[in-house]
């Protein structure tokens, strides 16, 4: 009887741990699952994907900073 009780406690611990991870990492897990679903979808074409207008990205280094940093590295 003690073995069954220990097994049930262990299973309950694993289930509660799984639920805690799912709740804590929900946004990251949802993005990953969406990416997996897209990659497994034979009808999905990434070239047809249009990003929203607000999703326009700025360059990581503005042109005025990138030119000054490239000059500094040339002198070294």
PDB file of N, CA and C in Angstrom:
ATOM      1  N   UNK A   1       0.820  -1.194   0.000  1.00  0.00           N
ATOM      2  CA  UNK A   1       0.000   0.000   0.000  1.00  0.00           C
ATOM      3  C   UNK A   1       0.868   1.264   0.000  1.00  0.00           C
ATOM      4  N   UNK A   2       2.006   1.203   0.673  1.00  0.00           N
ATOM      5  CA  UNK A   2       2.889   2.361   0.730  1.00  0.00           C
ATOM      6  C   UNK A   2       3.460   2.686  -0.646  1.00  0.00           C
ATOM      7  N   UNK A   3       3.698   1.662  -1.461  1.00  0.00           N
ATOM      8  CA  UNK A   3       4.241   1.887  -2.801  1.00  0.00           C
ATOM      9  C   UNK A   3       3.228   2.617  -3.676  1.00  0.00           C
ATOM     10  N   UNK A   4       1.959   2.239  -3.541  1.00  0.00           N
ATOM     11  CA  UNK A   4       0.919   2.889  -4.334  1.00  0.00           C
ATOM     12  C   UNK A   4       0.778   4.351  -3.914  1.00  0.00           C
ATOM     13  N   UNK A   5       0.816   4.597  -2.616  1.00  0.00           N
ATOM     14  CA  UNK A   5       0.715   5.970  -2.111  1.00  0.00           C
ATOM     15  C   UNK A   5       1.889   6.809  -2.596  1.00  0.00           C
ATOM     16  N   UNK A   6       3.069   6.257  -2.548  1.00  0.00           N
ATOM     17  CA  UNK A   6       4.254   6.989  -3.029  1.00  0.00           C
ATOM     18  C   UNK A   6       4.156   7.272  -4.521  1.00  0.00           C
ATOM     19  N   UNK A   7       3.658   6.295  -5.282  1.00  0.00           N
ATOM     20  CA  UNK A   7       3.520   6.487  -6.726  1.00  0.00           C
ATOM     21  C   UNK A   7       2.490   7.571  -7.028  1.00  0.00           C
ATOM     22  N   UNK A   8       1.379   7.576  -6.308  1.00  0.00           N
ATOM     23  CA  UNK A   8       0.359   8.602  -6.529  1.00  0.00           C
ATOM     24  C   UNK A   8       0.870   9.990  -6.161  1.00  0.00           C
ATOM     25  N   UNK A   9       1.635  10.089  -5.083  1.00  0.00           N
ATOM     26  CA  UNK A   9       2.211  11.378  -4.690  1.00  0.00           C
ATOM     27  C   UNK A   9       3.208  11.857  -5.743  1.00  0.00           C
ATOM     28  N   UNK A  10       4.004  10.947  -6.266  1.00  0.00           N
ATOM     29  CA  UNK A  10       4.980  11.313  -7.295  1.00  0.00           C
ATOM     30  C   UNK A  10       4.275  11.777  -8.570  1.00  0.00           C
ATOM     31  N   UNK A  11       3.229  11.069  -8.973  1.00  0.00           N
ATOM     32  CA  UNK A  11       2.484  11.445 -10.174  1.00  0.00           C
ATOM     33  C   UNK A  11       1.814  12.799  -9.978  1.00  0.00           C
ATOM     34  N   UNK A  12       1.229  13.018  -8.809  1.00  0.00           N
ATOM     35  CA  UNK A  12       0.603  14.314  -8.526  1.00  0.00           C
ATOM     36  C   UNK A  12       1.643  15.433  -8.566  1.00  0.00           C
ATOM     37  N   UNK A  13       2.844  15.182  -8.058  1.00  0.00           N
ATOM     38  CA  UNK A  13       3.908  16.190  -8.102  1.00  0.00           C
ATOM     39  C   UNK A  13       4.321  16.529  -9.517  1.00  0.00           C
ATOM     40  N   UNK A  14       4.427  15.514 -10.363  1.00  0.00           N
ATOM     41  CA  UNK A  14       4.789  15.747 -11.761  1.00  0.00           C
ATOM     42  C   UNK A  14       3.696  16.546 -12.469  1.00  0.00           C
ATOM     43  N   UNK A  15       2.438  16.195 -12.227  1.00  0.00           N
ATOM     44  CA  UNK A  15       1.322  16.906 -12.863  1.00  0.00           C
ATOM     45  C   UNK A  15       1.286  18.361 -12.402  1.00  0.00           C
ATOM     46  N   UNK A  16       1.437  18.600 -11.112  1.00  0.00           N
ATOM     47  CA  UNK A  16       1.434  19.975 -10.601  1.00  0.00           C
ATOM     48  C   UNK A  16       2.625  20.771 -11.129  1.00  0.00           C
ATOM     49  N   UNK A  17       3.781  20.134 -11.241  1.00  0.00           N
ATOM     50  CA  UNK A  17       4.957  20.797 -11.817  1.00  0.00           C
ATOM     51  C   UNK A  17       4.737  21.174 -13.272  1.00  0.00           C
ATOM     52  N   UNK A  18       4.126  20.264 -14.025  1.00  0.00           N
ATOM     53  CA  UNK A  18       3.822  20.533 -15.436  1.00  0.00           C
ATOM     54  C   UNK A  18       2.875  21.723 -15.559  1.00  0.00           C
ATOM     55  N   UNK A  19       1.837  21.745 -14.730  1.00  0.00           N
ATOM     56  CA  UNK A  19       0.870  22.847 -14.767  1.00  0.00           C
ATOM     57  C   UNK A  19       1.550  24.166 -14.401  1.00  0.00           C
ATOM     58  N   UNK A  20       2.424  24.140 -13.419  1.00  0.00           N
ATOM     59  CA  UNK A  20       3.128  25.362 -13.018  1.00  0.00           C
ATOM     60  C   UNK A  20       4.002  25.892 -14.150  1.00  0.00           C
ATOM     61  N   UNK A  21       4.694  25.012 -14.853  1.00  0.00           N
ATOM     62  CA  UNK A  21       5.540  25.434 -15.978  1.00  0.00           C
ATOM     63  C   UNK A  21       4.682  25.983 -17.109  1.00  0.00           C
ATOM     64  N   UNK A  22       3.557  25.328 -17.391  1.00  0.00           N
ATOM     65  CA  UNK A  22       2.661  25.807 -18.445  1.00  0.00           C
ATOM     66  C   UNK A  22       2.143  27.205 -18.123  1.00  0.00           C
ATOM     67  N   UNK A  23       1.791  27.456 -16.878  1.00  0.00           N
ATOM     68  CA  UNK A  23       1.264  28.770 -16.494  1.00  0.00           C
ATOM     69  C   UNK A  23       2.373  29.822 -16.516  1.00  0.00           C
ATOM     70  N   UNK A  24       3.544  29.480 -16.003  1.00  0.00           N
ATOM     71  CA  UNK A  24       4.634  30.450 -15.912  1.00  0.00           C
ATOM     72  C   UNK A  24       5.187  30.834 -17.289  1.00  0.00           C
ATOM     73  N   UNK A  25       5.246  29.887 -18.198  1.00  0.00           N
ATOM     74  CA  UNK A  25       5.872  30.119 -19.504  1.00  0.00           C
ATOM     75  C   UNK A  25       4.859  30.189 -20.637  1.00  0.00           C
ATOM     76  N   UNK A  26       3.622  30.525 -20.329  1.00  0.00           N
ATOM     77  CA  UNK A  26       2.548  30.493 -21.323  1.00  0.00           C
ATOM     78  C   UNK A  26       2.837  31.321 -22.577  1.00  0.00           C
ATOM     79  N   UNK A  27       3.260  32.591 -22.474  1.00  0.00           N
ATOM     80  CA  UNK A  27       3.485  33.367 -23.713  1.00  0.00           C
ATOM     81  C   UNK A  27       4.568  32.757 -24.604  1.00  0.00           C
ATOM     82  N   UNK A  28       5.631  32.316 -23.993  1.00  0.00           N
ATOM     83  CA  UNK A  28       6.728  31.734 -24.770  1.00  0.00           C
ATOM     84  C   UNK A  28       6.303  30.412 -25.409  1.00  0.00           C
ATOM     85  N   UNK A  29       5.590  29.592 -24.663  1.00  0.00           N
ATOM     86  CA  UNK A  29       5.140  28.313 -25.189  1.00  0.00           C
ATOM     87  C   UNK A  29       4.133  28.492 -26.318  1.00  0.00           C
ATOM     88  N   UNK A  30       3.250  29.492 -26.205  1.00  0.00           N
ATOM     89  CA  UNK A  30       2.275  29.727 -27.267  1.00  0.00           C
ATOM     90  C   UNK A  30       2.959  30.152 -28.564  1.00  0.00           C
ATOM     91  N   UNK A  31       3.960  31.020 -28.464  1.00  0.00           N
ATOM     92  CA  UNK A  31       4.687  31.445 -29.668  1.00  0.00           C
ATOM     93  C   UNK A  31       5.401  30.263 -30.310  1.00  0.00           C
ATOM     94  N   UNK A  32       6.000  29.430 -29.484  1.00  0.00           N
ATOM     95  CA  UNK A  32       6.688  28.252 -30.009  1.00  0.00           C
ATOM     96  C   UNK A  32       5.733  27.278 -30.669  1.00  0.00           C
ATOM     97  N   UNK A  33       4.593  27.066 -30.061  1.00  0.00           N
ATOM     98  CA  UNK A  33       3.600  26.153 -30.642  1.00  0.00           C
ATOM     99  C   UNK A  33       3.038  26.708 -31.944  1.00  0.00           C
ATOM    100  N   UNK A  34       2.843  28.031 -32.016  1.00  0.00           N
ATOM    101  CA  UNK A  34       2.383  28.635 -33.268  1.00  0.00           C
ATOM    102  C   UNK A  34       3.431  28.466 -34.368  1.00  0.00           C
ATOM    103  N   UNK A  35       4.694  28.618 -34.026  1.00  0.00           N
ATOM    104  CA  UNK A  35       5.762  28.447 -35.014  1.00  0.00           C
ATOM    105  C   UNK A  35       5.822  27.006 -35.505  1.00  0.00           C
ATOM    106  N   UNK A  36       5.638  26.063 -34.596  1.00  0.00           N
ATOM    107  CA  UNK A  36       5.640  24.650 -34.993  1.00  0.00           C
ATOM    108  C   UNK A  36       4.446  24.367 -35.891  1.00  0.00           C
ATOM    109  N   UNK A  37       3.287  24.900 -35.533  1.00  0.00           N
ATOM    110  CA  UNK A  37       2.097  24.689 -36.362  1.00  0.00           C
ATOM    111  C   UNK A  37       2.285  25.264 -37.759  1.00  0.00           C
ATOM    112  N   UNK A  38       2.890  26.458 -37.843  1.00  0.00           N
ATOM    113  CA  UNK A  38       3.135  27.058 -39.166  1.00  0.00           C
ATOM    114  C   UNK A  38       4.110  26.220 -39.980  1.00  0.00           C
ATOM    115  N   UNK A  39       5.149  25.723 -39.328  1.00  0.00           N
ATOM    116  CA  UNK A  39       6.155  24.977 -40.080  1.00  0.00           C
ATOM    117  C   UNK A  39       5.628  23.621 -40.531  1.00  0.00           C
ATOM    118  N   UNK A  40       4.654  23.082 -39.827  1.00  0.00           N
ATOM    119  CA  UNK A  40       4.085  21.796 -40.227  1.00  0.00           C
ATOM    120  C   UNK A  40       2.907  21.946 -41.183  1.00  0.00           C
ATOM    121  N   UNK A  41       2.459  23.185 -41.425  1.00  0.00           N
ATOM    122  CA  UNK A  41       1.337  23.431 -42.315  1.00  0.00           C
ATOM    123  C   UNK A  41       1.847  23.500 -43.755  1.00  0.00           C
ATOM    124  N   UNK A  42       1.438  22.562 -44.611  1.00  0.00           N
ATOM    125  CA  UNK A  42       1.946  22.579 -45.995  1.00  0.00           C
ATOM    126  C   UNK A  42       1.401  23.747 -46.822  1.00  0.00           C
ATOM    127  N   UNK A  43       0.312  24.382 -46.374  1.00  0.00           N
ATOM    128  CA  UNK A  43      -0.268  25.494 -47.126  1.00  0.00           C
ATOM    129  C   UNK A  43       0.307  26.845 -46.728  1.00  0.00           C
ATOM    130  N   UNK A  44       1.147  26.889 -45.700  1.00  0.00           N
ATOM    131  CA  UNK A  44       1.713  28.158 -45.225  1.00  0.00           C
ATOM    132  C   UNK A  44       2.894  28.559 -46.098  1.00  0.00           C
ATOM    133  N   UNK A  45       2.853  29.781 -46.597  1.00  0.00           N
ATOM    134  CA  UNK A  45       3.958  30.320 -47.396  1.00  0.00           C
ATOM    135  C   UNK A  45       4.464  31.582 -46.702  1.00  0.00           C
ATOM    136  N   UNK A  46       5.690  31.571 -46.184  1.00  0.00           N
ATOM    137  CA  UNK A  46       6.186  32.754 -45.475  1.00  0.00           C
ATOM    138  C   UNK A  46       6.307  33.987 -46.363  1.00  0.00           C
ATOM    139  N   UNK A  47       6.398  33.803 -47.670  1.00  0.00           N
ATOM    140  CA  UNK A  47       6.474  34.958 -48.567  1.00  0.00           C
ATOM    141  C   UNK A  47       5.148  35.693 -48.652  1.00  0.00           C
ATOM    142  N   UNK A  48       4.050  35.003 -48.357  1.00  0.00           N
ATOM    143  CA  UNK A  48       2.731  35.638 -48.384  1.00  0.00           C
ATOM    144  C   UNK A  48       2.415  36.371 -47.099  1.00  0.00           C
ATOM    145  N   UNK A  49       3.212  36.174 -46.078  1.00  0.00           N
ATOM    146  CA  UNK A  49       2.953  36.787 -44.776  1.00  0.00           C
ATOM    147  C   UNK A  49       3.223  38.284 -44.839  1.00  0.00           C
ATOM    148  N   UNK A  50       2.238  39.092 -44.475  1.00  0.00           N
ATOM    149  CA  UNK A  50       2.375  40.541 -44.455  1.00  0.00           C
ATOM    150  C   UNK A  50       2.420  41.003 -43.008  1.00  0.00           C
ATOM    151  N   UNK A  51       3.538  41.565 -42.543  1.00  0.00           N
ATOM    152  CA  UNK A  51       3.586  42.060 -41.167  1.00  0.00           C
ATOM    153  C   UNK A  51       2.670  43.261 -40.999  1.00  0.00           C
ATOM    154  N   UNK A  52       2.135  43.463 -39.817  1.00  0.00           N
ATOM    155  CA  UNK A  52       1.281  44.636 -39.591  1.00  0.00           C
ATOM    156  C   UNK A  52       2.075  45.928 -39.743  1.00  0.00           C
ATOM    157  N   UNK A  53       1.384  47.021 -40.035  1.00  0.00           N
ATOM    158  CA  UNK A  53       2.049  48.304 -40.267  1.00  0.00           C
ATOM    159  C   UNK A  53       2.806  48.769 -39.036  1.00  0.00           C
ATOM    160  N   UNK A  54       2.307  48.437 -37.848  1.00  0.00           N
ATOM    161  CA  UNK A  54       2.989  48.860 -36.632  1.00  0.00           C
ATOM    162  C   UNK A  54       4.204  47.991 -36.334  1.00  0.00           C
ATOM    163  N   UNK A  55       4.381  46.907 -37.078  1.00  0.00           N
ATOM    164  CA  UNK A  55       5.483  45.995 -36.822  1.00  0.00           C
ATOM    165  C   UNK A  55       6.742  46.324 -37.586  1.00  0.00           C
ATOM    166  N   UNK A  56       6.819  47.517 -38.178  1.00  0.00           N
ATOM    167  CA  UNK A  56       8.007  47.911 -38.924  1.00  0.00           C
ATOM    168  C   UNK A  56       9.153  48.083 -37.941  1.00  0.00           C
ATOM    169  N   UNK A  57      10.251  47.448 -38.250  1.00  0.00           N
ATOM    170  CA  UNK A  57      11.397  47.503 -37.338  1.00  0.00           C
ATOM    171  C   UNK A  57      12.366  48.595 -37.750  1.00  0.00           C
ATOM    172  N   UNK A  58      12.933  49.226 -36.753  1.00  0.00           N
ATOM    173  CA  UNK A  58      13.985  50.204 -36.994  1.00  0.00           C
ATOM    174  C   UNK A  58      15.318  49.457 -37.034  1.00  0.00           C
ATOM    175  N   UNK A  59      16.312  49.985 -37.722  1.00  0.00           N
ATOM    176  CA  UNK A  59      17.620  49.332 -37.731  1.00  0.00           C
ATOM    177  C   UNK A  59      18.223  49.321 -36.328  1.00  0.00           C
ATOM    178  N   UNK A  60      19.017  48.316 -36.039  1.00  0.00           N
ATOM    179  CA  UNK A  60      19.625  48.220 -34.719  1.00  0.00           C
ATOM    180  C   UNK A  60      20.585  49.373 -34.464  1.00  0.00           C
ATOM    181  N   UNK A  61      21.319  49.752 -35.485  1.00  0.00           N
ATOM    182  CA  UNK A  61      22.234  50.888 -35.364  1.00  0.00           C
ATOM    183  C   UNK A  61      21.809  51.957 -36.356  1.00  0.00           C
ATOM    184  N   UNK A  62      21.428  53.132 -35.895  1.00  0.00           N
ATOM    185  CA  UNK A  62      21.103  54.209 -36.835  1.00  0.00           C
ATOM    186  C   UNK A  62      22.316  54.525 -37.703  1.00  0.00           C
ATOM    187  N   UNK A  63      22.084  55.066 -38.871  1.00  0.00           N
ATOM    188  CA  UNK A  63      23.169  55.282 -39.834  1.00  0.00           C
ATOM    189  C   UNK A  63      24.243  56.227 -39.307  1.00  0.00           C
ATOM    190  N   UNK A  64      23.866  57.239 -38.500  1.00  0.00           N
ATOM    191  CA  UNK A  64      24.883  58.166 -38.001  1.00  0.00           C
ATOM    192  C   UNK A  64      25.785  57.493 -36.964  1.00  0.00           C
ATOM    193  N   UNK A  65      25.255  56.559 -36.172  1.00  0.00           N
ATOM    194  CA  UNK A  65      26.084  55.852 -35.196  1.00  0.00           C
ATOM    195  C   UNK A  65      26.926  54.775 -35.852  1.00  0.00           C
ATOM    196  N   UNK A  66      26.377  54.107 -36.855  1.00  0.00           N
ATOM    197  CA  UNK A  66      27.127  53.019 -37.485  1.00  0.00           C
ATOM    198  C   UNK A  66      28.340  53.560 -38.238  1.00  0.00           C
ATOM    199  N   UNK A  67      28.240  54.749 -38.827  1.00  0.00           N
ATOM    200  CA  UNK A  67      29.385  55.300 -39.552  1.00  0.00           C
ATOM    201  C   UNK A  67      30.489  55.739 -38.588  1.00  0.00           C
ATOM    202  N   UNK A  68      30.107  56.274 -37.423  1.00  0.00           N
ATOM    203  CA  UNK A  68      31.127  56.707 -36.475  1.00  0.00           C
ATOM    204  C   UNK A  68      31.803  55.514 -35.816  1.00  0.00           C
ATOM    205  N   UNK A  69      31.053  54.433 -35.581  1.00  0.00           N
ATOM    206  CA  UNK A  69      31.678  53.259 -34.971  1.00  0.00           C
ATOM    207  C   UNK A  69      32.574  52.535 -35.962  1.00  0.00           C
ATOM    208  N   UNK A  70      32.243  52.599 -37.263  1.00  0.00           N
ATOM    209  CA  UNK A  70      33.090  51.937 -38.239  1.00  0.00           C
ATOM    210  C   UNK A  70      34.416  52.700 -38.382  1.00  0.00           C
ATOM    211  N   UNK A  71      34.399  54.024 -38.223  1.00  0.00           N
ATOM    212  CA  UNK A  71      35.636  54.797 -38.282  1.00  0.00           C
ATOM    213  C   UNK A  71      36.539  54.465 -37.097  1.00  0.00           C
ATOM    214  N   UNK A  72      35.945  54.245 -35.939  1.00  0.00           N
ATOM    215  CA  UNK A  72      36.737  53.932 -34.759  1.00  0.00           C
ATOM    216  C   UNK A  72      37.416  52.587 -34.903  1.00  0.00           C
ATOM    217  N   UNK A  73      36.746  51.629 -35.538  1.00  0.00           N
ATOM    218  CA  UNK A  73      37.353  50.314 -35.674  1.00  0.00           C
ATOM    219  C   UNK A  73      38.447  50.316 -36.755  1.00  0.00           C
ATOM    220  N   UNK A  74      38.386  51.235 -37.709  1.00  0.00           N
ATOM    221  CA  UNK A  74      39.421  51.302 -38.746  1.00  0.00           C
ATOM    222  C   UNK A  74      40.742  51.791 -38.182  1.00  0.00           C
ATOM    223  N   UNK A  75      40.674  52.612 -37.135  1.00  0.00           N
ATOM    224  CA  UNK A  75      41.896  53.153 -36.573  1.00  0.00           C
ATOM    225  C   UNK A  75      42.645  52.162 -35.700  1.00  0.00           C
ATOM    226  N   UNK A  76      41.987  51.117 -35.287  1.00  0.00           N
ATOM    227  CA  UNK A  76      42.635  50.150 -34.377  1.00  0.00           C
ATOM    228  C   UNK A  76      43.488  49.196 -35.104  1.00  0.00           C
TER     229      UNK A  76
END
